[in-house]
């Protein structure tokens, strides 16, 4: 949440701590900067332009973000697709939209995900897959990750019975990991 603490929601700028860290972030000489969403509190032109001008454009590396619930209303109009992927060296990066369909990866996004996973599995040059989402949908109603789900920002935004991840997403990841001996990492905001 680059927007900062909820107590600062009236500020039209990103968190003061992230703005103060721009020089340090740039000095790290990272290949990319990745956000897990909620880059601003409101999806209005003033919040978006202040975020872009005071933070994103000041980075010396490409900026990528998983769309968050605060970003979603006008994300496509301002930044493009809400789910996408790219390759960097032996690494594959996938960004999914967990604000679409209440966290379920389905319809066109599921077909897209299946294609990316299929291509990843068969590309011998690719060793690691990193999946980025705003919501930790992998933790929803899963006893193993109960502690994570109990501490998510807003449980009301998750379906009560989220079988989509277990039935459609997880089997693809297990197969890619075990059968094709690939490493898969899922990072969520």
C-alpha atoms as a PDB file:
ATOM      1  CA  UNK A   1       0.000   0.000   0.000  1.00  0.00           C
ATOM      2  CA  UNK A   2       2.066   2.873  -1.307  1.00  0.00           C
ATOM      3  CA  UNK A   3      -0.841   5.132  -0.401  1.00  0.00           C
ATOM      4  CA  UNK A   4       0.135   4.872   3.257  1.00  0.00           C
ATOM      5  CA  UNK A   5      -1.826   4.346   6.449  1.00  0.00           C
ATOM      6  CA  UNK A   6      -5.619   4.693   6.367  1.00  0.00           C
ATOM      7  CA  UNK A   7      -5.304   7.584   8.830  1.00  0.00           C
ATOM      8  CA  UNK A   8      -3.669   9.598   6.011  1.00  0.00           C
ATOM      9  CA  UNK A   9      -6.415   8.938   3.483  1.00  0.00           C
ATOM     10  CA  UNK A  10      -7.069  12.665   2.999  1.00  0.00           C
ATOM     11  CA  UNK A  11      -3.591  13.152   1.558  1.00  0.00           C
ATOM     12  CA  UNK A  12      -3.615  13.197  -2.236  1.00  0.00           C
ATOM     13  CA  UNK A  13       0.026  12.045  -2.291  1.00  0.00           C
ATOM     14  CA  UNK A  14       1.597   8.627  -1.705  1.00  0.00           C
ATOM     15  CA  UNK A  15       2.976   7.776   1.714  1.00  0.00           C
ATOM     16  CA  UNK A  16       5.621  10.265   2.891  1.00  0.00           C
ATOM     17  CA  UNK A  17       7.922   7.384   3.818  1.00  0.00           C
ATOM     18  CA  UNK A  18       7.876   5.963   0.278  1.00  0.00           C
ATOM     19  CA  UNK A  19       8.438   9.421  -1.223  1.00  0.00           C
ATOM     20  CA  UNK A  20      11.385   9.973   1.139  1.00  0.00           C
ATOM     21  CA  UNK A  21      12.876   6.642   0.036  1.00  0.00           C
ATOM     22  CA  UNK A  22      12.986   7.315  -3.720  1.00  0.00           C
ATOM     23  CA  UNK A  23      16.735   8.081  -3.775  1.00  0.00           C
ATOM     24  CA  UNK A  24      17.487   4.959  -1.733  1.00  0.00           C
ATOM     25  CA  UNK A  25      15.259   2.815  -4.005  1.00  0.00           C
ATOM     26  CA  UNK A  26      17.009   4.176  -7.099  1.00  0.00           C
ATOM     27  CA  UNK A  27      20.447   3.611  -5.563  1.00  0.00           C
ATOM     28  CA  UNK A  28      19.715  -0.121  -5.305  1.00  0.00           C
ATOM     29  CA  UNK A  29      19.919  -0.358  -9.125  1.00  0.00           C
ATOM     30  CA  UNK A  30      17.088  -2.899  -9.222  1.00  0.00           C
ATOM     31  CA  UNK A  31      15.809  -4.155 -12.571  1.00  0.00           C
ATOM     32  CA  UNK A  32      12.159  -3.312 -11.698  1.00  0.00           C
ATOM     33  CA  UNK A  33      10.004  -1.919  -8.898  1.00  0.00           C
ATOM     34  CA  UNK A  34       6.894  -3.963  -8.113  1.00  0.00           C
ATOM     35  CA  UNK A  35       3.913  -2.792  -6.090  1.00  0.00           C
ATOM     36  CA  UNK A  36       1.161  -5.070  -4.817  1.00  0.00           C
ATOM     37  CA  UNK A  37      -1.582  -2.482  -5.252  1.00  0.00           C
ATOM     38  CA  UNK A  38      -3.372   0.350  -3.502  1.00  0.00           C
ATOM     39  CA  UNK A  39      -0.954   2.930  -4.819  1.00  0.00           C
ATOM     40  CA  UNK A  40      -3.393   5.735  -3.976  1.00  0.00           C
ATOM     41  CA  UNK A  41      -6.501   6.077  -1.817  1.00  0.00           C
ATOM     42  CA  UNK A  42      -8.874   7.240  -4.516  1.00  0.00           C
ATOM     43  CA  UNK A  43      -8.997   6.470  -8.212  1.00  0.00           C
ATOM     44  CA  UNK A  44      -9.541  10.122  -9.145  1.00  0.00           C
ATOM     45  CA  UNK A  45      -7.353  12.202 -11.482  1.00  0.00           C
ATOM     46  CA  UNK A  46      -5.671  14.214  -8.696  1.00  0.00           C
ATOM     47  CA  UNK A  47      -4.637  11.129  -6.701  1.00  0.00           C
ATOM     48  CA  UNK A  48      -3.435   9.298  -9.818  1.00  0.00           C
ATOM     49  CA  UNK A  49      -1.469  12.210 -11.273  1.00  0.00           C
ATOM     50  CA  UNK A  50       0.143  12.979  -7.898  1.00  0.00           C
ATOM     51  CA  UNK A  51       1.152   9.326  -7.556  1.00  0.00           C
ATOM     52  CA  UNK A  52       2.611   9.166 -11.049  1.00  0.00           C
ATOM     53  CA  UNK A  53       4.425  12.515 -10.877  1.00  0.00           C
ATOM     54  CA  UNK A  54       5.702  12.333  -7.291  1.00  0.00           C
ATOM     55  CA  UNK A  55       6.682   8.653  -7.286  1.00  0.00           C
ATOM     56  CA  UNK A  56       6.388   6.448 -10.390  1.00  0.00           C
ATOM     57  CA  UNK A  57       8.120   8.848 -12.798  1.00  0.00           C
ATOM     58  CA  UNK A  58      10.951   9.454 -10.321  1.00  0.00           C
ATOM     59  CA  UNK A  59      11.986   5.807 -10.287  1.00  0.00           C
ATOM     60  CA  UNK A  60      15.044   4.916 -12.358  1.00  0.00           C
ATOM     61  CA  UNK A  61      13.597   1.475 -13.184  1.00  0.00           C
ATOM     62  CA  UNK A  62      10.343   0.242 -14.740  1.00  0.00           C
ATOM     63  CA  UNK A  63       7.351   0.234 -12.387  1.00  0.00           C
ATOM     64  CA  UNK A  64       4.842  -2.648 -12.370  1.00  0.00           C
ATOM     65  CA  UNK A  65       1.820  -3.081 -10.124  1.00  0.00           C
ATOM     66  CA  UNK A  66      -0.840  -5.603  -9.244  1.00  0.00           C
ATOM     67  CA  UNK A  67      -4.125  -3.731  -9.285  1.00  0.00           C
ATOM     68  CA  UNK A  68      -5.576  -3.056  -5.824  1.00  0.00           C
ATOM     69  CA  UNK A  69      -9.135  -2.249  -4.818  1.00  0.00           C
ATOM     70  CA  UNK A  70      -8.375   1.486  -4.603  1.00  0.00           C
ATOM     71  CA  UNK A  71      -6.636   1.416  -8.001  1.00  0.00           C
ATOM     72  CA  UNK A  72      -9.220  -0.663  -9.886  1.00  0.00           C
ATOM     73  CA  UNK A  73     -11.988   1.835 -10.788  1.00  0.00           C
ATOM     74  CA  UNK A  74      -9.935   3.675 -13.427  1.00  0.00           C
ATOM     75  CA  UNK A  75      -6.846   1.479 -13.702  1.00  0.00           C
ATOM     76  CA  UNK A  76      -7.386   0.370 -17.301  1.00  0.00           C
ATOM     77  CA  UNK A  77      -8.040   3.925 -18.487  1.00  0.00           C
ATOM     78  CA  UNK A  78      -4.787   5.130 -16.925  1.00  0.00           C
ATOM     79  CA  UNK A  79      -2.395   2.189 -17.075  1.00  0.00           C
ATOM     80  CA  UNK A  80      -3.764  -0.551 -19.347  1.00  0.00           C
ATOM     81  CA  UNK A  81      -4.496  -4.192 -18.678  1.00  0.00           C
ATOM     82  CA  UNK A  82      -5.159  -5.360 -15.122  1.00  0.00           C
ATOM     83  CA  UNK A  83      -3.617  -8.781 -15.727  1.00  0.00           C
ATOM     84  CA  UNK A  84      -0.426  -9.241 -17.706  1.00  0.00           C
ATOM     85  CA  UNK A  85       2.957 -10.935 -17.718  1.00  0.00           C
ATOM     86  CA  UNK A  86       6.547 -10.409 -18.787  1.00  0.00           C
ATOM     87  CA  UNK A  87       9.804 -12.333 -18.869  1.00  0.00           C
ATOM     88  CA  UNK A  88      13.141 -11.136 -17.542  1.00  0.00           C
ATOM     89  CA  UNK A  89      16.051 -13.512 -18.038  1.00  0.00           C
ATOM     90  CA  UNK A  90      15.061 -16.902 -16.631  1.00  0.00           C
ATOM     91  CA  UNK A  91      12.166 -15.414 -14.658  1.00  0.00           C
ATOM     92  CA  UNK A  92       8.477 -15.181 -15.621  1.00  0.00           C
ATOM     93  CA  UNK A  93       6.311 -12.564 -13.888  1.00  0.00           C
ATOM     94  CA  UNK A  94       2.497 -12.721 -13.856  1.00  0.00           C
ATOM     95  CA  UNK A  95       0.230 -10.027 -12.450  1.00  0.00           C
ATOM     96  CA  UNK A  96      -3.378 -11.068 -11.775  1.00  0.00           C
ATOM     97  CA  UNK A  97      -6.436  -8.944 -11.004  1.00  0.00           C
ATOM     98  CA  UNK A  98      -7.943 -10.153  -7.714  1.00  0.00           C
ATOM     99  CA  UNK A  99     -10.359  -7.218  -7.691  1.00  0.00           C
ATOM    100  CA  UNK A 100     -12.186  -8.708 -10.659  1.00  0.00           C
ATOM    101  CA  UNK A 101     -14.845 -11.315  -9.807  1.00  0.00           C
ATOM    102  CA  UNK A 102     -14.268 -10.991  -6.035  1.00  0.00           C
ATOM    103  CA  UNK A 103     -10.897 -12.665  -6.149  1.00  0.00           C
ATOM    104  CA  UNK A 104     -11.830 -15.526  -8.429  1.00  0.00           C
ATOM    105  CA  UNK A 105      -9.555 -15.997 -11.418  1.00  0.00           C
ATOM    106  CA  UNK A 106     -12.071 -17.024 -14.062  1.00  0.00           C
ATOM    107  CA  UNK A 107     -13.338 -16.416 -17.583  1.00  0.00           C
ATOM    108  CA  UNK A 108     -10.818 -14.579 -19.777  1.00  0.00           C
ATOM    109  CA  UNK A 109      -8.337 -14.118 -16.947  1.00  0.00           C
ATOM    110  CA  UNK A 110      -8.328 -17.871 -16.209  1.00  0.00           C
ATOM    111  CA  UNK A 111      -7.778 -18.697 -19.884  1.00  0.00           C
ATOM    112  CA  UNK A 112      -4.954 -16.184 -20.000  1.00  0.00           C
ATOM    113  CA  UNK A 113      -3.418 -17.681 -16.828  1.00  0.00           C
ATOM    114  CA  UNK A 114      -3.616 -21.216 -18.242  1.00  0.00           C
ATOM    115  CA  UNK A 115      -1.848 -20.124 -21.428  1.00  0.00           C
ATOM    116  CA  UNK A 116       0.943 -18.350 -19.540  1.00  0.00           C
ATOM    117  CA  UNK A 117       1.441 -21.385 -17.264  1.00  0.00           C
ATOM    118  CA  UNK A 118       1.468 -23.734 -20.270  1.00  0.00           C
ATOM    119  CA  UNK A 119       4.099 -21.608 -22.024  1.00  0.00           C
ATOM    120  CA  UNK A 120       6.129 -21.298 -18.800  1.00  0.00           C
ATOM    121  CA  UNK A 121       6.164 -25.071 -18.286  1.00  0.00           C
ATOM    122  CA  UNK A 122       7.481 -25.756 -21.758  1.00  0.00           C
ATOM    123  CA  UNK A 123      10.081 -23.012 -21.935  1.00  0.00           C
ATOM    124  CA  UNK A 124      13.282 -24.638 -20.686  1.00  0.00           C
ATOM    125  CA  UNK A 125      14.970 -21.247 -20.301  1.00  0.00           C
ATOM    126  CA  UNK A 126      12.479 -20.202 -17.608  1.00  0.00           C
ATOM    127  CA  UNK A 127      13.241 -21.434 -14.087  1.00  0.00           C
ATOM    128  CA  UNK A 128      11.138 -19.300 -11.736  1.00  0.00           C
ATOM    129  CA  UNK A 129       7.591 -17.993 -11.836  1.00  0.00           C
ATOM    130  CA  UNK A 130       6.525 -15.046  -9.690  1.00  0.00           C
ATOM    131  CA  UNK A 131       2.795 -14.370  -9.360  1.00  0.00           C
ATOM    132  CA  UNK A 132       1.678 -11.009  -7.986  1.00  0.00           C
ATOM    133  CA  UNK A 133      -1.788 -10.176  -6.654  1.00  0.00           C
ATOM    134  CA  UNK A 134      -3.262  -7.606  -4.341  1.00  0.00           C
ATOM    135  CA  UNK A 135      -5.403 -10.072  -2.400  1.00  0.00           C
ATOM    136  CA  UNK A 136      -3.855 -13.249  -0.984  1.00  0.00           C
ATOM    137  CA  UNK A 137      -6.563 -15.411  -2.539  1.00  0.00           C
ATOM    138  CA  UNK A 138      -4.441 -18.495  -1.853  1.00  0.00           C
ATOM    139  CA  UNK A 139      -5.143 -18.020   1.881  1.00  0.00           C
ATOM    140  CA  UNK A 140      -8.952 -17.740   1.683  1.00  0.00           C
ATOM    141  CA  UNK A 141     -10.690 -20.402   3.761  1.00  0.00           C
ATOM    142  CA  UNK A 142      -7.609 -22.622   3.806  1.00  0.00           C
ATOM    143  CA  UNK A 143      -6.821 -24.062   7.252  1.00  0.00           C
ATOM    144  CA  UNK A 144      -3.081 -24.101   6.509  1.00  0.00           C
ATOM    145  CA  UNK A 145      -3.075 -20.342   5.941  1.00  0.00           C
ATOM    146  CA  UNK A 146      -5.834 -19.431   8.405  1.00  0.00           C
ATOM    147  CA  UNK A 147      -3.550 -16.994  10.259  1.00  0.00           C
ATOM    148  CA  UNK A 148      -2.920 -15.077   7.037  1.00  0.00           C
ATOM    149  CA  UNK A 149      -6.582 -14.931   6.040  1.00  0.00           C
ATOM    150  CA  UNK A 150      -7.613 -13.813   9.540  1.00  0.00           C
ATOM    151  CA  UNK A 151      -5.414 -10.743   9.107  1.00  0.00           C
ATOM    152  CA  UNK A 152      -6.343  -9.644   5.590  1.00  0.00           C
ATOM    153  CA  UNK A 153      -7.488  -6.085   5.247  1.00  0.00           C
ATOM    154  CA  UNK A 154     -11.140  -6.803   4.381  1.00  0.00           C
ATOM    155  CA  UNK A 155     -12.491 -10.350   4.457  1.00  0.00           C
ATOM    156  CA  UNK A 156     -15.862  -9.155   3.166  1.00  0.00           C
ATOM    157  CA  UNK A 157     -14.349  -8.840  -0.315  1.00  0.00           C
ATOM    158  CA  UNK A 158     -13.722 -12.594  -0.510  1.00  0.00           C
ATOM    159  CA  UNK A 159     -16.384 -15.078  -1.580  1.00  0.00           C
ATOM    160  CA  UNK A 160     -17.567 -17.236   1.312  1.00  0.00           C
ATOM    161  CA  UNK A 161     -16.803 -20.393  -0.613  1.00  0.00           C
ATOM    162  CA  UNK A 162     -13.801 -19.717  -2.848  1.00  0.00           C
ATOM    163  CA  UNK A 163     -13.176 -22.992  -4.643  1.00  0.00           C
ATOM    164  CA  UNK A 164     -11.809 -21.349  -7.775  1.00  0.00           C
ATOM    165  CA  UNK A 165      -8.278 -21.140  -6.437  1.00  0.00           C
ATOM    166  CA  UNK A 166      -8.235 -24.745  -5.151  1.00  0.00           C
ATOM    167  CA  UNK A 167      -9.946 -26.208  -8.238  1.00  0.00           C
ATOM    168  CA  UNK A 168      -8.544 -24.129 -11.100  1.00  0.00           C
ATOM    169  CA  UNK A 169      -5.334 -22.362 -10.060  1.00  0.00           C
ATOM    170  CA  UNK A 170      -3.581 -24.566  -7.521  1.00  0.00           C
ATOM    171  CA  UNK A 171      -3.543 -27.735  -9.691  1.00  0.00           C
ATOM    172  CA  UNK A 172      -1.833 -25.817 -12.513  1.00  0.00           C
ATOM    173  CA  UNK A 173       0.825 -24.545 -10.129  1.00  0.00           C
ATOM    174  CA  UNK A 174       1.433 -27.953  -8.564  1.00  0.00           C
ATOM    175  CA  UNK A 175       1.847 -29.573 -11.963  1.00  0.00           C
ATOM    176  CA  UNK A 176       4.269 -26.890 -13.153  1.00  0.00           C
ATOM    177  CA  UNK A 177       6.278 -27.164  -9.957  1.00  0.00           C
ATOM    178  CA  UNK A 178       6.461 -30.945  -9.684  1.00  0.00           C
ATOM    179  CA  UNK A 179       6.231 -32.271 -13.224  1.00  0.00           C
ATOM    180  CA  UNK A 180       8.360 -29.586 -14.838  1.00  0.00           C
ATOM    181  CA  UNK A 181      10.612 -28.912 -11.817  1.00  0.00           C
ATOM    182  CA  UNK A 182       9.949 -25.176 -11.793  1.00  0.00           C
ATOM    183  CA  UNK A 183       9.925 -22.809  -8.817  1.00  0.00           C
ATOM    184  CA  UNK A 184       6.748 -20.824  -8.196  1.00  0.00           C
ATOM    185  CA  UNK A 185       6.333 -17.911  -5.798  1.00  0.00           C
ATOM    186  CA  UNK A 186       3.078 -16.070  -5.043  1.00  0.00           C
ATOM    187  CA  UNK A 187       3.317 -12.569  -3.543  1.00  0.00           C
ATOM    188  CA  UNK A 188       0.276 -10.632  -2.340  1.00  0.00           C
ATOM    189  CA  UNK A 189      -0.429  -7.266  -0.782  1.00  0.00           C
END
